[in-house]
Amino acid sequence: MISQAHEVLGHYGPQKTADYVRHHYWWPCIRQDVEQYCKMCPVCQMMKSSTQRVPGLLHSLPIPMRPWESIAMDFVGPFPESSNCDYLWVVICRLTSMVHLVPICMTTTASELAWLYIHKIVCLHGLAGTIVSDRDSKFMSKFWHETHRLLGTKLLMSTSFHPQTDGASEQAIHSVAQILQAMV
């Protein structure tokens, strides 16, 4: 039962696995048993990366006033192709840390991405005031910039692999990637 819970949670770790198991079972040494299982899990040993803080100064962003006022986005992949999609577009609310995962293809264009943004994010949450992203070619395209200029959205660009800009979204993206890698 520990192994099933651990897999269902995407090999997330002993604390969340123990909490999940406690909802359904109880025995005297549940915490120690779950910790021991997680330490010995071969998938976890392969997939877990260092959690040490990245050196460098924190470049804080303003705290949003309402949910989905400021979002962050990035791509995770490539993954094995499924339904003609091999990447995930991760869009996260910077205030609530709610995440939307949108399957896309590596060849998705900026205009297709803008259409997906309107239909998958804006329709559910309204227009964001600011979008934090790295300098991916899709986010740097003239089409993407012009679309957001017309929508009144301010684009905030970070440098690639620079989690100090928006640590919360980078952590969420890291967690999504870790869970998906463990399951694949």
C-alpha atoms as a PDB file:
ATOM      1  CA  MET A   1       0.000   0.000   0.000  1.00  0.00           C
ATOM      2  CA  ILE A   2       2.907   2.405   0.590  1.00  0.00           C
ATOM      3  CA  SER A   3       4.229   1.702  -2.892  1.00  0.00           C
ATOM      4  CA  GLN A   4       0.815   2.382  -4.456  1.00  0.00           C
ATOM      5  CA  ALA A   5       0.416   5.664  -2.552  1.00  0.00           C
ATOM      6  CA  HIS A   6       3.947   6.705  -3.437  1.00  0.00           C
ATOM      7  CA  GLU A   7       3.345   6.059  -7.149  1.00  0.00           C
ATOM      8  CA  VAL A   8      -0.066   7.773  -7.172  1.00  0.00           C
ATOM      9  CA  LEU A   9       1.563  10.914  -5.742  1.00  0.00           C
ATOM     10  CA  GLY A  10       4.309  10.831  -8.358  1.00  0.00           C
ATOM     11  CA  HIS A  11       7.125   9.886  -5.941  1.00  0.00           C
ATOM     12  CA  TYR A  12       6.675  13.203  -4.177  1.00  0.00           C
ATOM     13  CA  GLY A  13       8.381  12.316  -0.875  1.00  0.00           C
ATOM     14  CA  PRO A  14       7.865  10.828   2.593  1.00  0.00           C
ATOM     15  CA  GLN A  15       5.774  13.629   4.137  1.00  0.00           C
ATOM     16  CA  LYS A  16       3.086  13.743   1.435  1.00  0.00           C
ATOM     17  CA  THR A  17       3.135   9.958   1.027  1.00  0.00           C
ATOM     18  CA  ALA A  18       2.644   9.453   4.781  1.00  0.00           C
ATOM     19  CA  ASP A  19      -0.207  11.992   4.836  1.00  0.00           C
ATOM     20  CA  TYR A  20      -1.881  10.188   1.936  1.00  0.00           C
ATOM     21  CA  VAL A  21      -1.489   6.740   3.547  1.00  0.00           C
ATOM     22  CA  ARG A  22      -2.847   8.061   6.882  1.00  0.00           C
ATOM     23  CA  HIS A  23      -6.139   8.963   5.162  1.00  0.00           C
ATOM     24  CA  HIS A  24      -6.773   5.276   4.524  1.00  0.00           C
ATOM     25  CA  TYR A  25      -4.674   3.255   7.020  1.00  0.00           C
ATOM     26  CA  TRP A  26      -3.052   3.387  10.415  1.00  0.00           C
ATOM     27  CA  TRP A  27      -0.348   1.402  12.185  1.00  0.00           C
ATOM     28  CA  PRO A  28       2.096   2.354  14.968  1.00  0.00           C
ATOM     29  CA  CYS A  29       5.241   3.153  12.912  1.00  0.00           C
ATOM     30  CA  ILE A  30       3.603   4.510   9.757  1.00  0.00           C
ATOM     31  CA  ARG A  31       5.900   7.547   9.465  1.00  0.00           C
ATOM     32  CA  GLN A  32       9.121   5.559   9.878  1.00  0.00           C
ATOM     33  CA  ASP A  33       7.950   2.867   7.444  1.00  0.00           C
ATOM     34  CA  VAL A  34       7.077   5.437   4.783  1.00  0.00           C
ATOM     35  CA  GLU A  35      10.414   7.262   5.261  1.00  0.00           C
ATOM     36  CA  GLN A  36      12.327   4.010   4.934  1.00  0.00           C
ATOM     37  CA  TYR A  37      10.373   3.057   1.800  1.00  0.00           C
ATOM     38  CA  CYS A  38      10.990   6.452   0.185  1.00  0.00           C
ATOM     39  CA  LYS A  39      14.730   6.293   0.978  1.00  0.00           C
ATOM     40  CA  MET A  40      14.945   2.910  -0.760  1.00  0.00           C
ATOM     41  CA  CYS A  41      12.707   3.747  -3.743  1.00  0.00           C
ATOM     42  CA  PRO A  42      14.838   3.342  -6.896  1.00  0.00           C
ATOM     43  CA  VAL A  43      12.765   5.859  -8.890  1.00  0.00           C
ATOM     44  CA  CYS A  44      13.214   8.504  -6.192  1.00  0.00           C
ATOM     45  CA  GLN A  45      16.945   7.863  -6.016  1.00  0.00           C
ATOM     46  CA  MET A  46      17.194   8.389  -9.768  1.00  0.00           C
ATOM     47  CA  MET A  47      14.853  11.395 -10.086  1.00  0.00           C
ATOM     48  CA  LYS A  48      15.467  13.557  -7.018  1.00  0.00           C
ATOM     49  CA  SER A  49      17.763  16.478  -7.624  1.00  0.00           C
ATOM     50  CA  SER A  50      19.551  18.743  -5.221  1.00  0.00           C
ATOM     51  CA  THR A  51      17.327  21.084  -3.221  1.00  0.00           C
ATOM     52  CA  GLN A  52      20.157  23.410  -2.261  1.00  0.00           C
ATOM     53  CA  ARG A  53      19.476  27.032  -2.898  1.00  0.00           C
ATOM     54  CA  VAL A  54      20.889  28.388  -6.106  1.00  0.00           C
ATOM     55  CA  PRO A  55      23.572  30.954  -5.327  1.00  0.00           C
ATOM     56  CA  GLY A  56      22.808  34.525  -6.243  1.00  0.00           C
ATOM     57  CA  LEU A  57      20.781  37.495  -5.168  1.00  0.00           C
ATOM     58  CA  LEU A  58      17.003  37.305  -5.069  1.00  0.00           C
ATOM     59  CA  HIS A  59      15.373  39.564  -7.635  1.00  0.00           C
ATOM     60  CA  SER A  60      11.919  39.948  -6.125  1.00  0.00           C
ATOM     61  CA  LEU A  61       8.847  40.610  -8.192  1.00  0.00           C
ATOM     62  CA  PRO A  62       5.909  42.612  -6.845  1.00  0.00           C
ATOM     63  CA  ILE A  63       3.309  40.529  -5.026  1.00  0.00           C
ATOM     64  CA  PRO A  64       0.055  40.311  -7.044  1.00  0.00           C
ATOM     65  CA  MET A  65      -3.095  41.786  -5.489  1.00  0.00           C
ATOM     66  CA  ARG A  66      -5.531  39.178  -6.849  1.00  0.00           C
ATOM     67  CA  PRO A  67      -5.369  35.628  -8.233  1.00  0.00           C
ATOM     68  CA  TRP A  68      -4.247  35.353 -11.863  1.00  0.00           C
ATOM     69  CA  GLU A  69      -3.259  39.034 -11.981  1.00  0.00           C
ATOM     70  CA  SER A  70       0.335  37.937 -12.502  1.00  0.00           C
ATOM     71  CA  ILE A  71       1.270  34.595 -14.031  1.00  0.00           C
ATOM     72  CA  ALA A  72       4.452  32.780 -14.928  1.00  0.00           C
ATOM     73  CA  MET A  73       4.908  30.362 -17.793  1.00  0.00           C
ATOM     74  CA  ASP A  74       7.492  27.974 -19.133  1.00  0.00           C
ATOM     75  CA  PHE A  75       7.797  24.772 -21.137  1.00  0.00           C
ATOM     76  CA  VAL A  76       8.654  21.316 -19.801  1.00  0.00           C
ATOM     77  CA  GLY A  77       9.784  18.490 -22.058  1.00  0.00           C
ATOM     78  CA  PRO A  78      10.349  16.813 -24.369  1.00  0.00           C
ATOM     79  CA  PHE A  79       8.228  13.839 -23.372  1.00  0.00           C
ATOM     80  CA  PRO A  80       7.257  10.746 -25.353  1.00  0.00           C
ATOM     81  CA  GLU A  81       4.698  11.826 -27.939  1.00  0.00           C
ATOM     82  CA  SER A  82       1.048  11.433 -26.968  1.00  0.00           C
ATOM     83  CA  SER A  83      -1.830  12.755 -29.106  1.00  0.00           C
ATOM     84  CA  ASN A  84       0.724  14.653 -31.238  1.00  0.00           C
ATOM     85  CA  CYS A  85       1.997  16.516 -28.152  1.00  0.00           C
ATOM     86  CA  ASP A  86       5.500  16.209 -26.727  1.00  0.00           C
ATOM     87  CA  TYR A  87       5.818  19.225 -24.404  1.00  0.00           C
ATOM     88  CA  LEU A  88       3.816  20.749 -21.577  1.00  0.00           C
ATOM     89  CA  TRP A  89       3.212  24.454 -21.275  1.00  0.00           C
ATOM     90  CA  VAL A  90       3.147  25.225 -17.545  1.00  0.00           C
ATOM     91  CA  VAL A  91       1.142  28.323 -16.590  1.00  0.00           C
ATOM     92  CA  ILE A  92       1.094  29.219 -12.897  1.00  0.00           C
ATOM     93  CA  CYS A  93      -0.664  31.905 -10.891  1.00  0.00           C
ATOM     94  CA  ARG A  94       2.061  33.685  -8.933  1.00  0.00           C
ATOM     95  CA  LEU A  95      -0.266  34.445  -6.005  1.00  0.00           C
ATOM     96  CA  THR A  96      -2.060  31.124  -5.472  1.00  0.00           C
ATOM     97  CA  SER A  97       0.447  28.759  -7.155  1.00  0.00           C
ATOM     98  CA  MET A  98      -2.421  27.153  -9.068  1.00  0.00           C
ATOM     99  CA  VAL A  99      -1.010  25.429 -12.141  1.00  0.00           C
ATOM    100  CA  HIS A 100      -2.448  24.753 -15.588  1.00  0.00           C
ATOM    101  CA  LEU A 101      -0.684  22.193 -17.772  1.00  0.00           C
ATOM    102  CA  VAL A 102      -1.384  22.608 -21.468  1.00  0.00           C
ATOM    103  CA  PRO A 103      -0.086  19.873 -23.802  1.00  0.00           C
ATOM    104  CA  ILE A 104       1.629  21.302 -26.871  1.00  0.00           C
ATOM    105  CA  CYS A 105       3.934  20.211 -29.660  1.00  0.00           C
ATOM    106  CA  MET A 106       7.517  21.423 -29.941  1.00  0.00           C
ATOM    107  CA  THR A 107       6.579  23.030 -33.262  1.00  0.00           C
ATOM    108  CA  THR A 108       3.720  25.082 -31.777  1.00  0.00           C
ATOM    109  CA  THR A 109       4.000  28.638 -33.084  1.00  0.00           C
ATOM    110  CA  ALA A 110       3.588  31.887 -31.143  1.00  0.00           C
ATOM    111  CA  SER A 111       0.211  32.501 -32.812  1.00  0.00           C
ATOM    112  CA  GLU A 112      -1.012  29.033 -31.771  1.00  0.00           C
ATOM    113  CA  LEU A 113       0.319  29.670 -28.264  1.00  0.00           C
ATOM    114  CA  ALA A 114      -1.570  32.977 -28.100  1.00  0.00           C
ATOM    115  CA  TRP A 115      -4.771  31.195 -29.160  1.00  0.00           C
ATOM    116  CA  LEU A 116      -4.212  28.527 -26.472  1.00  0.00           C
ATOM    117  CA  TYR A 117      -3.549  31.264 -23.905  1.00  0.00           C
ATOM    118  CA  ILE A 118      -6.888  32.934 -24.669  1.00  0.00           C
ATOM    119  CA  HIS A 119      -8.862  29.665 -24.702  1.00  0.00           C
ATOM    120  CA  LYS A 120      -7.179  27.807 -21.811  1.00  0.00           C
ATOM    121  CA  ILE A 121      -6.220  30.589 -19.399  1.00  0.00           C
ATOM    122  CA  VAL A 122      -8.005  33.873 -20.143  1.00  0.00           C
ATOM    123  CA  CYS A 123     -11.413  32.174 -20.554  1.00  0.00           C
ATOM    124  CA  LEU A 124     -11.062  30.687 -17.059  1.00  0.00           C
ATOM    125  CA  HIS A 125      -9.313  33.456 -15.135  1.00  0.00           C
ATOM    126  CA  GLY A 126      -9.395  36.690 -17.128  1.00  0.00           C
ATOM    127  CA  LEU A 127      -6.481  38.674 -18.489  1.00  0.00           C
ATOM    128  CA  ALA A 128      -3.281  38.779 -16.481  1.00  0.00           C
ATOM    129  CA  GLY A 129      -1.663  42.130 -15.837  1.00  0.00           C
ATOM    130  CA  THR A 130       1.850  40.700 -16.037  1.00  0.00           C
ATOM    131  CA  ILE A 131       3.410  37.538 -17.442  1.00  0.00           C
ATOM    132  CA  VAL A 132       6.784  36.289 -16.242  1.00  0.00           C
ATOM    133  CA  SER A 133       8.608  34.015 -18.667  1.00  0.00           C
ATOM    134  CA  ASP A 134      12.066  33.151 -19.862  1.00  0.00           C
ATOM    135  CA  ARG A 135      13.419  34.263 -23.197  1.00  0.00           C
ATOM    136  CA  ASP A 136      12.123  31.347 -25.227  1.00  0.00           C
ATOM    137  CA  SER A 137      11.797  32.157 -28.934  1.00  0.00           C
ATOM    138  CA  LYS A 138       7.990  31.869 -28.720  1.00  0.00           C
ATOM    139  CA  PHE A 139       7.874  34.439 -25.904  1.00  0.00           C
ATOM    140  CA  MET A 140      10.321  36.726 -27.700  1.00  0.00           C
ATOM    141  CA  SER A 141       8.469  36.734 -31.033  1.00  0.00           C
ATOM    142  CA  LYS A 142       6.982  39.929 -32.415  1.00  0.00           C
ATOM    143  CA  PHE A 143       3.560  38.260 -32.605  1.00  0.00           C
ATOM    144  CA  TRP A 144       3.611  37.363 -28.889  1.00  0.00           C
ATOM    145  CA  HIS A 145       4.734  40.871 -27.901  1.00  0.00           C
ATOM    146  CA  GLU A 146       2.193  42.608 -30.140  1.00  0.00           C
ATOM    147  CA  THR A 147      -0.640  40.366 -28.897  1.00  0.00           C
ATOM    148  CA  HIS A 148       0.088  41.239 -25.291  1.00  0.00           C
ATOM    149  CA  ARG A 149       0.607  44.909 -26.074  1.00  0.00           C
ATOM    150  CA  LEU A 150      -2.927  44.947 -27.535  1.00  0.00           C
ATOM    151  CA  LEU A 151      -4.279  43.027 -24.526  1.00  0.00           C
ATOM    152  CA  GLY A 152      -2.576  45.429 -22.122  1.00  0.00           C
ATOM    153  CA  THR A 153      -0.417  42.765 -20.516  1.00  0.00           C
ATOM    154  CA  LYS A 154       3.116  43.619 -19.404  1.00  0.00           C
ATOM    155  CA  LEU A 155       5.705  40.951 -20.308  1.00  0.00           C
ATOM    156  CA  LEU A 156       8.472  40.435 -17.735  1.00  0.00           C
ATOM    157  CA  MET A 157      11.367  38.404 -19.120  1.00  0.00           C
ATOM    158  CA  SER A 158      13.863  36.506 -17.013  1.00  0.00           C
ATOM    159  CA  THR A 159      17.031  34.879 -18.166  1.00  0.00           C
ATOM    160  CA  SER A 160      17.022  31.137 -18.832  1.00  0.00           C
ATOM    161  CA  PHE A 161      17.775  28.879 -15.877  1.00  0.00           C
ATOM    162  CA  HIS A 162      17.649  31.829 -13.465  1.00  0.00           C
ATOM    163  CA  PRO A 163      15.211  30.757 -10.721  1.00  0.00           C
ATOM    164  CA  GLN A 164      15.980  33.805  -8.570  1.00  0.00           C
ATOM    165  CA  THR A 165      13.557  35.862 -10.678  1.00  0.00           C
ATOM    166  CA  ASP A 166      10.450  33.929  -9.666  1.00  0.00           C
ATOM    167  CA  GLY A 167      11.331  31.087  -7.329  1.00  0.00           C
ATOM    168  CA  ALA A 168       7.730  29.971  -6.700  1.00  0.00           C
ATOM    169  CA  SER A 169       6.978  29.309 -10.345  1.00  0.00           C
ATOM    170  CA  GLU A 170      10.355  27.656 -10.920  1.00  0.00           C
ATOM    171  CA  GLN A 171       9.671  25.370  -7.946  1.00  0.00           C
ATOM    172  CA  ALA A 172       6.222  24.472  -9.306  1.00  0.00           C
ATOM    173  CA  ILE A 173       7.697  23.772 -12.742  1.00  0.00           C
ATOM    174  CA  HIS A 174      10.415  21.637 -11.132  1.00  0.00           C
ATOM    175  CA  SER A 175       7.777  19.669  -9.188  1.00  0.00           C
ATOM    176  CA  VAL A 176       5.662  19.072 -12.307  1.00  0.00           C
ATOM    177  CA  ALA A 177       8.723  17.893 -14.239  1.00  0.00           C
ATOM    178  CA  GLN A 178       9.790  15.618 -11.402  1.00  0.00           C
ATOM    179  CA  ILE A 179       6.371  13.970 -11.064  1.00  0.00           C
ATOM    180  CA  LEU A 180       6.048  13.474 -14.815  1.00  0.00           C
ATOM    181  CA  GLN A 181       9.566  12.071 -15.154  1.00  0.00           C
ATOM    182  CA  ALA A 182       8.913   9.606 -12.347  1.00  0.00           C
ATOM    183  CA  MET A 183       5.672   8.460 -13.978  1.00  0.00           C
ATOM    184  CA  VAL A 184       7.127   8.202 -17.479  1.00  0.00           C
END
